[in-house]
Amino acid sequence: MKARYLISALLALAGGTLSADPKPALVVQVVQTDDSDAYVAAITKINAIIKARTGIEKLRQVWTGDIAGENSHGIFVVSEFPSAAAIYTTTDKLKDDPEMKALLAQLKGTRHLGPSFVYKAVRYEGHYDGGAVFNTGIKCTDEAAYAKQLDDLKAILVANGFKEAKVNLWRVVSGRTEATHLVVIALPTLARVGELWDSLNDKDLLADWYVGAAKVRTALNNGSYSEITK
């Protein structure tokens, strides 16, 4: 009898853990289009349908690569969900919607879908609507230790005039290639990203921080991006 109660308690504990409030999930879809303005206009219409059907405000956000290596001038649709499960529950609500189907049919001739990726938040502060980000793809060997390193990074940024910087760490869940995580520093404008670059490089603010971070991560790529959704 005691054993049965113990098993029941363990199952209840496991169920509670599995059903605990999850962290946000991010879907990034690479898009190729010859008319980014028309594509953004279509996404605006799609967002209006999504809001009417689900109540979600501006789910699809269109971003473009600024100075981002091979991603420069690229187009990316970024969608943030409260959980990974919500990606599919939201999709199910929209898959048979006639207006959505009609809009997607119109897009077939104007865009080609490339790779897509799913990320889960590890350290989350969000981003700025219509803002900019400085992203770094990394290989991380100790996620918990690196998350603490990012706490230190945030403190350095705040102490040096970047109180508005939002520091995020996303784990690659699906679509992974080389990078295991994505570090996203969000700022209101690309101009502030440039000012951040000046401060980090001219003042060498992160000399000591890089030494500690190097023990648990390897930076693979980086770049700046801005949101162009209307």
Protein backbone atom coordinates (compact mmCIF):
# COMPACT_ATOMS: atom_id res chain seq x y z
CA MET A 1 0.00 0.00 0.00
CA LYS A 2 2.78 2.41 0.92
CA ALA A 3 4.59 1.60 -2.30
CA ARG A 4 1.46 2.37 -4.30
CA TYR A 5 1.06 5.72 -2.56
CA LEU A 6 4.73 6.46 -3.22
CA ILE A 7 4.29 5.69 -6.93
CA SER A 8 1.19 7.89 -7.05
CA ALA A 9 3.08 10.74 -5.41
CA LEU A 10 5.98 10.41 -7.84
CA LEU A 11 3.60 10.42 -10.80
CA ALA A 12 1.87 13.50 -9.46
CA LEU A 13 5.22 15.22 -9.02
CA ALA A 14 6.27 14.29 -12.55
CA GLY A 15 2.96 15.50 -13.95
CA GLY A 16 3.35 18.78 -12.11
CA THR A 17 6.83 19.22 -13.53
CA LEU A 18 5.75 18.46 -17.07
CA SER A 19 2.76 20.78 -16.90
CA ALA A 20 4.62 23.68 -15.25
CA ASP A 21 4.47 27.00 -17.06
CA PRO A 22 6.90 26.68 -19.98
CA LYS A 23 9.22 29.39 -21.24
CA PRO A 24 8.60 31.17 -24.57
CA ALA A 25 9.41 29.53 -27.88
CA LEU A 26 10.58 31.27 -31.03
CA VAL A 27 10.10 30.18 -34.63
CA VAL A 28 12.41 31.71 -37.23
CA GLN A 29 11.52 31.18 -40.88
CA VAL A 30 14.00 32.16 -43.60
CA VAL A 31 12.24 33.71 -46.60
CA GLN A 32 13.43 34.58 -50.09
CA THR A 33 11.47 37.30 -51.90
CA ASP A 34 12.10 39.80 -54.68
CA ASP A 35 9.61 42.29 -53.25
CA SER A 36 10.09 42.75 -49.52
CA ASP A 37 7.58 45.63 -49.35
CA ALA A 38 4.80 43.51 -50.84
CA TYR A 39 5.73 40.65 -48.56
CA VAL A 40 5.60 42.86 -45.45
CA ALA A 41 2.19 44.16 -46.58
CA ALA A 42 0.94 40.57 -46.89
CA ILE A 43 2.25 39.70 -43.43
CA THR A 44 0.37 42.71 -42.03
CA LYS A 45 -2.87 41.26 -43.47
CA ILE A 46 -2.00 37.82 -42.10
CA ASN A 47 -1.41 39.29 -38.64
CA ALA A 48 -4.86 40.90 -38.75
CA ILE A 49 -6.44 37.50 -39.45
CA ILE A 50 -4.40 35.83 -36.71
CA LYS A 51 -5.48 38.49 -34.21
CA ALA A 52 -9.15 38.08 -35.18
CA ARG A 53 -9.00 34.29 -34.84
CA THR A 54 -6.68 33.90 -31.83
CA GLY A 55 -6.37 37.29 -30.13
CA ILE A 56 -2.58 37.27 -30.66
CA GLU A 57 -1.23 40.71 -31.56
CA LYS A 58 1.35 40.89 -34.40
CA LEU A 59 2.41 37.24 -34.24
CA ARG A 60 4.45 37.34 -37.46
CA GLN A 61 7.32 39.83 -37.34
CA VAL A 62 9.45 40.45 -40.40
CA TRP A 63 13.14 41.11 -39.76
CA THR A 64 15.95 41.86 -42.18
CA GLY A 65 19.67 41.26 -41.85
CA ASP A 66 21.65 44.49 -41.64
CA ILE A 67 25.37 43.75 -41.22
CA ALA A 68 25.06 40.02 -40.67
CA GLY A 69 27.52 38.21 -42.90
CA GLU A 70 25.77 35.78 -45.24
CA ASN A 71 22.42 36.83 -43.71
CA SER A 72 22.85 40.49 -44.70
CA HIS A 73 19.73 41.78 -46.51
CA GLY A 74 18.00 38.48 -45.86
CA ILE A 75 14.34 38.31 -44.79
CA PHE A 76 13.25 36.40 -41.69
CA VAL A 77 9.79 35.91 -40.21
CA VAL A 78 10.00 35.61 -36.43
CA SER A 79 7.04 34.35 -34.39
CA GLU A 80 7.09 34.20 -30.59
CA PHE A 81 4.81 31.80 -28.71
CA PRO A 82 4.26 31.22 -24.97
CA SER A 83 5.43 27.61 -25.45
CA ALA A 84 6.51 25.17 -28.13
CA ALA A 85 3.14 23.44 -27.90
CA ALA A 86 1.44 26.76 -28.69
CA ILE A 87 3.17 26.75 -32.10
CA TYR A 88 0.96 23.87 -33.16
CA THR A 89 -2.23 24.74 -31.29
CA THR A 90 -2.14 28.14 -32.99
CA THR A 91 -1.45 26.55 -36.38
CA ASP A 92 -4.41 24.20 -35.90
CA LYS A 93 -6.73 27.17 -35.30
CA LEU A 94 -5.69 28.75 -38.59
CA LYS A 95 -5.11 25.86 -40.99
CA ASP A 96 -8.69 25.71 -42.30
CA ASP A 97 -9.35 29.46 -42.30
CA PRO A 98 -10.42 30.46 -45.85
CA GLU A 99 -8.99 34.00 -45.64
CA MET A 100 -5.65 32.65 -44.44
CA LYS A 101 -5.59 30.06 -47.22
CA ALA A 102 -6.31 32.74 -49.82
CA LEU A 103 -3.49 34.99 -48.57
CA LEU A 104 -1.00 32.12 -48.44
CA ALA A 105 -1.97 31.16 -51.99
CA GLN A 106 -1.19 34.72 -53.13
CA LEU A 107 2.23 34.52 -51.47
CA LYS A 108 3.27 31.40 -53.37
CA GLY A 109 4.29 33.44 -56.37
CA THR A 110 6.16 36.09 -54.42
CA ARG A 111 8.22 34.18 -51.89
CA HIS A 112 10.14 30.96 -51.34
CA LEU A 113 10.42 29.41 -47.87
CA GLY A 114 13.92 28.47 -46.76
CA PRO A 115 15.08 26.81 -43.54
CA SER A 116 13.15 27.22 -40.30
CA PHE A 117 14.23 26.89 -36.67
CA VAL A 118 12.63 26.57 -33.23
CA TYR A 119 14.25 28.07 -30.12
CA LYS A 120 13.34 27.89 -26.43
CA ALA A 121 14.12 30.72 -24.04
CA VAL A 122 16.78 30.13 -21.39
CA ARG A 123 17.29 33.75 -20.33
CA TYR A 124 14.47 36.02 -21.50
CA GLU A 125 13.99 39.79 -21.43
CA GLY A 126 12.18 40.30 -24.75
CA HIS A 127 12.76 42.78 -27.58
CA TYR A 128 11.58 46.17 -28.84
CA ASP A 129 8.68 46.48 -31.26
CA GLY A 130 10.17 47.83 -34.47
CA GLY A 131 13.61 47.64 -32.88
CA ALA A 132 16.97 46.05 -33.59
CA VAL A 133 19.10 43.21 -32.26
CA PHE A 134 22.70 42.07 -32.19
CA ASN A 135 22.71 38.27 -32.46
CA THR A 136 25.53 35.82 -31.75
CA GLY A 137 25.29 32.12 -32.56
CA ILE A 138 27.33 30.01 -30.14
CA LYS A 139 28.29 26.49 -29.17
CA CYS A 140 27.72 26.18 -25.43
CA THR A 141 29.03 23.39 -23.18
CA ASP A 142 27.47 24.57 -19.89
CA GLU A 143 24.15 26.35 -20.33
CA ALA A 144 23.62 27.21 -16.65
CA ALA A 145 27.11 28.68 -16.29
CA TYR A 146 26.73 30.70 -19.46
CA ALA A 147 23.36 32.06 -18.36
CA LYS A 148 25.14 33.41 -15.27
CA GLN A 149 27.79 34.91 -17.54
CA LEU A 150 24.99 36.77 -19.32
CA ASP A 151 23.82 38.17 -15.97
CA ASP A 152 27.32 39.64 -15.65
CA LEU A 153 27.14 40.93 -19.23
CA LYS A 154 23.85 42.69 -18.49
CA ALA A 155 25.41 44.36 -15.44
CA ILE A 156 28.32 45.60 -17.57
CA LEU A 157 25.95 47.02 -20.18
CA VAL A 158 23.82 48.78 -17.57
CA ALA A 159 26.91 50.27 -15.91
CA ASN A 160 28.13 51.65 -19.24
CA GLY A 161 25.07 53.47 -20.52
CA PHE A 162 22.99 50.67 -22.01
CA LYS A 163 20.27 50.26 -19.40
CA GLU A 164 17.73 49.59 -22.13
CA ALA A 165 19.62 46.58 -23.52
CA LYS A 166 17.62 43.35 -23.23
CA VAL A 167 19.79 40.24 -23.05
CA ASN A 168 18.26 36.94 -24.18
CA LEU A 169 19.58 33.41 -24.53
CA TRP A 170 17.69 30.96 -26.75
CA ARG A 171 18.42 27.23 -27.00
CA VAL A 172 18.17 25.68 -30.48
CA VAL A 173 15.45 23.02 -30.23
CA SER A 174 14.78 22.07 -33.84
CA GLY A 175 16.64 22.78 -37.07
CA ARG A 176 20.00 22.81 -35.31
CA THR A 177 23.14 22.90 -37.42
CA GLU A 178 26.33 24.08 -35.68
CA ALA A 179 25.10 26.54 -33.05
CA THR A 180 23.50 25.21 -29.87
CA HIS A 181 22.27 28.63 -28.68
CA LEU A 182 21.50 32.12 -29.91
CA VAL A 183 22.39 35.20 -27.85
CA VAL A 184 20.15 38.17 -28.65
CA ILE A 185 20.88 41.67 -27.35
CA ALA A 186 17.84 43.80 -28.17
CA LEU A 187 17.98 47.59 -28.48
CA PRO A 188 15.46 50.19 -29.72
CA THR A 189 17.38 51.12 -32.91
CA LEU A 190 20.26 50.07 -35.14
CA ALA A 191 21.98 53.32 -34.14
CA ARG A 192 22.10 52.04 -30.57
CA VAL A 193 23.53 48.75 -31.82
CA GLY A 194 26.32 50.75 -33.48
CA GLU A 195 26.93 52.68 -30.28
CA LEU A 196 27.11 49.36 -28.44
CA TRP A 197 29.76 48.15 -30.89
CA ASP A 198 31.79 51.32 -30.29
CA SER A 199 31.61 50.93 -26.52
CA LEU A 200 32.45 47.24 -26.50
CA ASN A 201 35.41 47.64 -28.86
CA ASP A 202 36.84 51.11 -28.13
CA LYS A 203 36.61 50.73 -24.36
CA ASP A 204 37.34 47.00 -24.38
CA LEU A 205 34.58 46.56 -21.82
CA LEU A 206 34.38 42.80 -22.16
CA ALA A 207 38.07 41.83 -22.00
CA ASP A 208 37.68 40.01 -18.68
CA TRP A 209 34.16 38.81 -19.47
CA TYR A 210 35.35 37.07 -22.65
CA VAL A 211 37.91 35.08 -20.64
CA GLY A 212 35.20 33.60 -18.43
CA ALA A 213 32.75 33.08 -21.28
CA ALA A 214 35.35 31.28 -23.39
CA LYS A 215 35.40 28.47 -20.82
CA VAL A 216 31.83 27.44 -21.68
CA ARG A 217 31.10 28.79 -25.16
CA THR A 218 32.52 29.33 -28.63
CA ALA A 219 31.15 32.17 -30.75
CA LEU A 220 30.40 31.02 -34.32
CA ASN A 221 28.77 34.02 -36.02
CA ASN A 222 27.13 37.35 -35.29
CA GLY A 223 25.22 40.17 -36.94
CA SER A 224 22.74 42.98 -36.59
CA TYR A 225 19.08 42.76 -37.63
CA SER A 226 16.10 45.12 -37.59
CA GLU A 227 12.34 44.63 -37.64
CA ILE A 228 10.51 45.97 -40.70
CA THR A 229 6.95 44.83 -39.97
CA LYS A 230 4.38 47.60 -40.46
